Protein backbone atom coordinates (compact mmCIF):
# COMPACT_ATOMS: atom_id res chain seq x y z
CA MET A 1 0.00 0.00 0.00
CA GLU A 2 1.19 3.50 -0.85
CA SER A 3 0.21 4.86 2.56
CA GLU A 4 2.14 2.06 4.29
CA GLU A 5 5.31 2.90 2.37
CA LYS A 6 4.91 6.62 3.10
CA MET A 7 4.36 5.87 6.78
CA LEU A 8 7.46 3.69 7.00
CA ASN A 9 9.55 6.36 5.30
CA LYS A 10 8.28 9.06 7.67
CA LEU A 11 9.02 6.90 10.70
CA LYS A 12 12.45 5.94 9.41
CA GLY A 13 13.26 9.61 8.83
CA ALA A 14 12.37 10.27 12.48
CA GLY A 15 14.70 7.49 13.67
CA ILE A 16 11.95 4.94 14.35
CA VAL A 17 13.04 1.58 12.95
CA GLU A 18 11.18 -1.73 12.58
CA PRO A 19 7.75 -0.61 13.77
CA THR A 20 4.95 -3.17 13.88
CA MET A 21 2.37 -2.40 11.17
CA TRP A 22 -1.28 -3.43 10.78
CA CYS A 23 -3.22 -2.68 7.60
CA GLY A 24 -6.81 -3.39 6.64
CA GLY A 25 -10.33 -2.03 6.27
CA ALA A 26 -12.30 -0.49 9.12
CA ASP A 27 -14.07 -3.81 9.81
CA GLN A 28 -10.69 -5.53 10.27
CA MET A 29 -9.16 -3.10 12.73
CA GLU A 30 -10.64 -4.20 16.07
CA PRO A 31 -8.62 -7.49 16.07
CA SER A 32 -5.57 -5.42 15.15
CA PHE A 33 -6.15 -3.09 18.10
CA ALA A 34 -6.59 -6.09 20.38
CA GLU A 35 -3.31 -7.53 19.11
CA ALA A 36 -1.61 -4.16 19.58
CA ALA A 37 -2.87 -3.97 23.16
CA GLY A 38 -1.32 -7.36 23.86
CA GLN A 39 2.10 -6.09 22.78
CA LYS A 40 2.14 -3.28 25.38
CA LEU A 41 3.05 -0.59 22.88
CA GLU A 42 4.30 2.81 24.00
CA VAL A 43 2.83 4.70 21.01
CA LEU A 44 0.03 3.77 18.60
CA ILE A 45 -0.11 5.70 15.31
CA VAL A 46 -3.43 5.27 13.49
CA LEU A 47 -4.30 6.43 9.96
CA GLY A 48 -8.01 5.99 9.31
CA GLY A 49 -11.53 7.37 9.28
CA ASP A 50 -13.50 8.68 12.24
CA GLY A 51 -14.78 5.27 13.35
CA THR A 52 -11.32 3.70 13.24
CA ILE A 53 -9.82 6.68 15.07
CA ARG A 54 -12.46 6.55 17.81
CA THR A 55 -11.98 2.78 18.25
CA ALA A 56 -8.22 3.33 18.49
CA ALA A 57 -8.71 6.05 21.09
CA GLU A 58 -10.90 3.70 23.13
CA ALA A 59 -8.17 1.06 22.90
CA CYS A 60 -5.66 3.61 24.23
CA ALA A 61 -7.96 4.89 27.00
CA GLU A 62 -6.86 5.14 30.60
CA ARG A 63 -3.40 3.51 30.83
CA GLY A 64 -3.03 2.44 27.21
CA PRO A 65 -0.34 3.62 24.79
CA PHE A 66 0.03 7.21 23.65
CA LEU A 67 -2.03 7.86 20.52
CA ILE A 68 -1.22 9.74 17.31
CA PRO A 69 -4.49 9.80 15.29
CA LEU A 70 -3.93 10.76 11.64
CA PRO A 71 -6.64 11.93 9.19
CA GLY A 72 -7.66 9.25 6.69
CA GLY A 73 -11.41 9.72 6.43
CA THR A 74 -14.06 12.30 5.55
CA MET A 75 -14.66 14.44 8.63
CA ASN A 76 -11.41 13.64 10.49
CA MET A 77 -12.84 15.19 13.64
CA LEU A 78 -10.20 14.26 16.23
CA PRO A 79 -7.14 14.68 13.96
CA ARG A 80 -8.43 18.05 12.75
CA ALA A 81 -9.06 19.23 16.32
CA LEU A 82 -5.54 18.21 17.35
CA TYR A 83 -3.43 19.02 14.29
CA GLY A 84 -5.48 21.44 12.21
CA ASP A 85 -6.62 20.94 8.63
CA VAL A 86 -3.41 19.37 7.30
CA SER A 87 -2.48 16.16 5.50
CA TRP A 88 -1.65 13.11 7.56
CA GLU A 89 1.93 13.32 6.33
CA ASP A 90 2.32 16.86 7.69
CA ALA A 91 0.52 16.01 10.93
CA LEU A 92 2.90 13.09 11.53
CA LYS A 93 6.01 15.05 10.53
CA ASN A 94 5.13 18.01 12.77
CA THR A 95 4.36 15.71 15.70
CA LEU A 96 7.52 13.60 15.42
CA THR A 97 9.69 16.71 15.02
CA ALA A 98 8.60 18.21 18.35
CA PRO A 99 6.38 15.74 20.26
CA SER A 100 4.37 16.77 23.29
CA VAL A 101 1.88 14.78 25.40
CA LYS A 102 -1.67 16.13 25.73
CA VAL A 103 -4.24 14.59 28.07
CA LEU A 104 -7.74 14.67 26.58
CA SER A 105 -10.96 14.63 28.53
CA GLY A 106 -14.10 13.42 26.81
CA GLY A 107 -17.43 11.71 27.24
CA ARG A 108 -18.72 8.16 27.62
CA VAL A 109 -22.06 6.65 26.65
CA ALA A 110 -22.52 2.95 27.47
CA ASP A 111 -19.26 1.29 26.36
CA LYS A 112 -18.38 3.97 23.81
CA GLN A 113 -16.28 7.10 24.27
CA PHE A 114 -15.96 10.36 22.36
CA PHE A 115 -13.30 13.05 22.53
CA VAL A 116 -14.58 15.86 20.30
CA ALA A 117 -18.39 15.94 20.24
CA ALA A 118 -21.49 13.77 20.42
CA ILE A 119 -24.64 14.75 18.55
CA VAL A 120 -27.77 12.91 19.70
CA GLY A 121 -31.10 12.84 17.87
CA ALA A 122 -32.80 12.43 14.50
CA PRO A 123 -30.82 15.22 12.72
CA THR A 124 -27.79 12.94 12.82
CA LEU A 125 -29.52 10.78 10.18
CA TRP A 126 -28.69 13.52 7.69
CA ALA A 127 -25.04 12.51 8.03
CA GLU A 128 -25.73 9.31 6.10
CA ALA A 129 -27.41 11.27 3.32
CA ARG A 130 -24.38 13.57 3.11
CA GLU A 131 -22.05 10.55 2.90
CA SER A 132 -24.10 9.12 0.00
CA ILE A 133 -23.90 12.45 -1.84
CA ARG A 134 -20.12 12.49 -1.37
CA ASP A 135 -19.97 8.93 -2.69
CA GLY A 136 -22.00 9.95 -5.75
CA ASP A 137 -25.03 7.77 -4.91
CA ILE A 138 -27.81 10.32 -5.40
CA ILE A 139 -30.69 7.79 -5.23
CA ASP A 140 -29.44 6.46 -1.91
CA ALA A 141 -29.02 10.04 -0.65
CA ILE A 142 -32.64 10.88 -1.53
CA GLU A 143 -33.93 7.75 0.23
CA LYS A 144 -31.91 8.37 3.37
CA GLY A 145 -32.73 12.06 3.32
CA SER A 146 -36.48 11.41 3.19
CA VAL A 147 -36.25 8.98 6.13
CA ALA A 148 -34.23 11.51 8.10
CA PHE A 149 -36.74 14.26 7.35
CA GLN A 150 -39.68 12.13 8.56
CA ASN A 151 -37.92 11.04 11.74
CA MET A 152 -36.70 14.54 12.49
CA PHE A 153 -40.09 15.93 13.37
CA GLU A 154 -41.80 12.74 14.51
CA THR A 155 -39.28 11.81 17.19
CA LYS A 156 -37.90 14.20 19.77
CA VAL A 157 -35.32 13.48 22.44
CA ARG A 158 -36.23 13.97 26.08
CA TYR A 159 -33.22 15.20 28.02
CA LEU A 160 -32.26 15.61 31.67
CA ILE A 161 -29.11 17.61 32.32
CA SER A 162 -27.50 17.44 35.78
CA GLY A 163 -28.69 20.48 37.69
CA GLY A 164 -32.34 19.91 36.86
CA ILE A 165 -32.50 21.21 33.28
CA LYS A 166 -34.94 19.04 31.33
CA GLY A 167 -37.21 19.12 28.30
CA GLU A 168 -37.61 17.88 24.72
CA ALA A 169 -35.62 18.84 21.64
CA GLU A 170 -34.76 17.76 18.10
CA ALA A 171 -31.18 17.12 19.16
CA VAL A 172 -28.70 17.44 22.00
CA ALA A 173 -24.99 17.95 21.42
CA LEU A 174 -22.22 17.36 23.95
CA ILE A 175 -19.07 19.31 23.19
CA CYS A 176 -15.73 18.35 24.73
CA PRO A 177 -13.29 20.93 26.15
CA LEU A 178 -10.90 20.19 23.26
CA ILE A 179 -13.04 22.18 20.81
CA SER A 180 -15.35 24.25 23.01
CA GLU A 181 -15.02 27.97 22.39
CA GLU A 182 -16.05 28.67 25.99
CA MET A 183 -14.08 26.10 27.97
CA SER A 184 -10.37 25.57 28.49
CA ASP A 185 -8.82 22.13 27.94
CA SER A 186 -8.56 21.72 31.71
CA GLU A 187 -12.23 22.43 32.47
CA GLN A 188 -13.93 19.41 34.01
CA ALA A 189 -17.23 19.34 32.13
CA LEU A 190 -18.97 18.88 28.82
CA GLU A 191 -20.76 21.75 27.12
CA ALA A 192 -24.34 20.68 26.43
CA ALA A 193 -26.21 22.31 23.56
CA VAL A 194 -29.96 21.73 23.29
CA ILE A 195 -31.24 22.26 19.73
CA ASP A 196 -34.88 22.91 18.88
CA VAL A 197 -35.42 24.31 15.39
CA GLU A 198 -38.23 24.58 12.87
CA SER A 199 -36.66 23.76 9.52
CA ALA A 200 -34.60 20.91 8.13
CA ALA A 201 -32.11 23.38 6.65
CA GLU A 202 -31.37 24.81 10.10
CA VAL A 203 -30.96 21.34 11.59
CA ILE A 204 -28.48 20.30 8.92
CA GLY A 205 -26.45 23.45 9.46
CA LEU A 206 -26.42 23.07 13.23
CA ALA A 207 -25.55 19.37 13.10
CA THR A 208 -22.53 20.27 11.00
CA ALA A 209 -21.54 23.13 13.27
CA ALA A 210 -21.95 20.88 16.30
CA ALA A 211 -18.82 19.03 15.32
CA PHE A 212 -16.73 22.15 15.74
CA GLY A 213 -18.35 23.94 18.64
CA LYS A 214 -19.67 27.04 16.82
CA TRP A 215 -22.76 27.86 18.83
CA ARG A 216 -22.37 31.37 20.17
CA ASP A 217 -24.72 33.40 17.96
CA ASP A 218 -27.64 31.05 17.39
CA ARG A 219 -30.92 31.97 19.08
CA ASN A 220 -32.21 28.35 18.90
CA ILE A 221 -29.49 26.96 21.15
CA LEU A 222 -29.61 26.47 24.92
CA LEU A 223 -26.07 26.08 26.29
CA THR A 224 -24.95 24.83 29.68
CA LYS A 225 -22.01 22.98 31.27
CA THR A 226 -22.55 19.57 32.80
CA LYS A 227 -20.96 16.27 33.78
CA ARG A 228 -23.98 14.12 32.93
CA VAL A 229 -26.88 14.10 30.50
CA GLY A 230 -29.64 11.53 30.26
CA VAL A 231 -31.60 11.10 27.01
CA GLN A 232 -34.76 9.12 26.23
CA SER A 233 -37.07 8.66 23.26
CA SER A 234 -40.00 6.54 22.12
CA LYS A 235 -37.73 5.12 19.38
CA ASP A 236 -34.07 4.18 19.10
CA ILE A 237 -31.91 7.29 19.33
CA PRO A 238 -29.37 7.81 16.53
CA ALA A 239 -26.15 9.61 17.42
CA ILE A 240 -22.82 10.63 15.98
CA LEU A 241 -19.77 10.18 18.22
CA ASP A 242 -16.70 11.94 16.81
CA GLY A 243 -18.03 11.54 13.29
CA GLU A 244 -19.15 7.90 13.63
CA ARG A 245 -22.84 6.97 13.49
CA VAL A 246 -24.05 4.80 16.39
CA ASN A 247 -27.40 3.72 17.87
CA LEU A 248 -27.98 4.48 21.57
CA GLY A 249 -31.21 2.52 22.02
CA SER A 250 -34.25 4.22 23.55
CA SER A 251 -32.35 5.69 26.51
CA ALA A 252 -28.77 6.47 27.46
CA GLU A 253 -26.61 8.22 30.06
CA ILE A 254 -23.74 10.37 28.80
CA ASP A 255 -20.97 11.12 31.31
CA PHE A 256 -17.91 13.34 31.38
CA VAL A 257 -14.53 11.54 31.54
CA SER A 258 -11.73 13.69 32.95
CA ARG A 259 -8.69 11.75 31.69
CA ALA A 260 -9.89 9.86 28.65
CA VAL A 261 -6.78 9.33 26.49
CA ASN A 262 -3.19 10.55 26.10
CA VAL A 263 -2.33 11.86 22.65
CA ILE A 264 0.90 13.15 21.14
CA VAL A 265 0.77 16.53 19.41
CA PRO A 266 3.36 19.03 18.17
CA ALA A 267 4.82 21.15 20.97
CA LYS A 268 3.65 24.76 20.84
């Protein structure tokens, strides 16, 4: 693979020789991560899409190896938040030239973690339609878009935010300190954004903005800081965790995690 050769050359240039390499599709990576965990690695470098990156981060959680997540997908939420909008080659080069450890906080829902943002509710179904458009499958995009539109206004999410804030909304977003415009990296909370809008166009725009924490000027957003949010619905609740679509079932508890994963970034 071309990427494998480039990776080896970059590592060799940084003085890293004979690294262990795993290559494969997203559905083949969990066994690779399990094998990597058994080898007690010091650093895990992952080039992949949002789902692969999030799985790798979960594998490195708590006392696992240091993680360098490189952008190889569409949204590249965690790599972009850490390294900026650069190629994976530049992100790796910059990091290896002047490495620095950064401790990320995040959130956890059931057995899944997120480190950038979680978006909960029917508007997340639009993400699949957007993916189909990017892939050039217009018919599939129309089908998924119509399903998303129907579910958007039929099914609301009931939420309970610690501190007694509760209600119903189209969507709830949980923003991690890494990308929040209001919180420092060291703040021990998630920023909860409750979204209740009247048009599909607004929902699509907000669901996109949710990934990058741009909430300040929107009149349809209720913002608060919290360590826990509970969500319920009459149907299964779709969600996006760091760019990956997941199903939360009809109810879920979302908790803040203070020391979620250790990543390596370029020193400032």
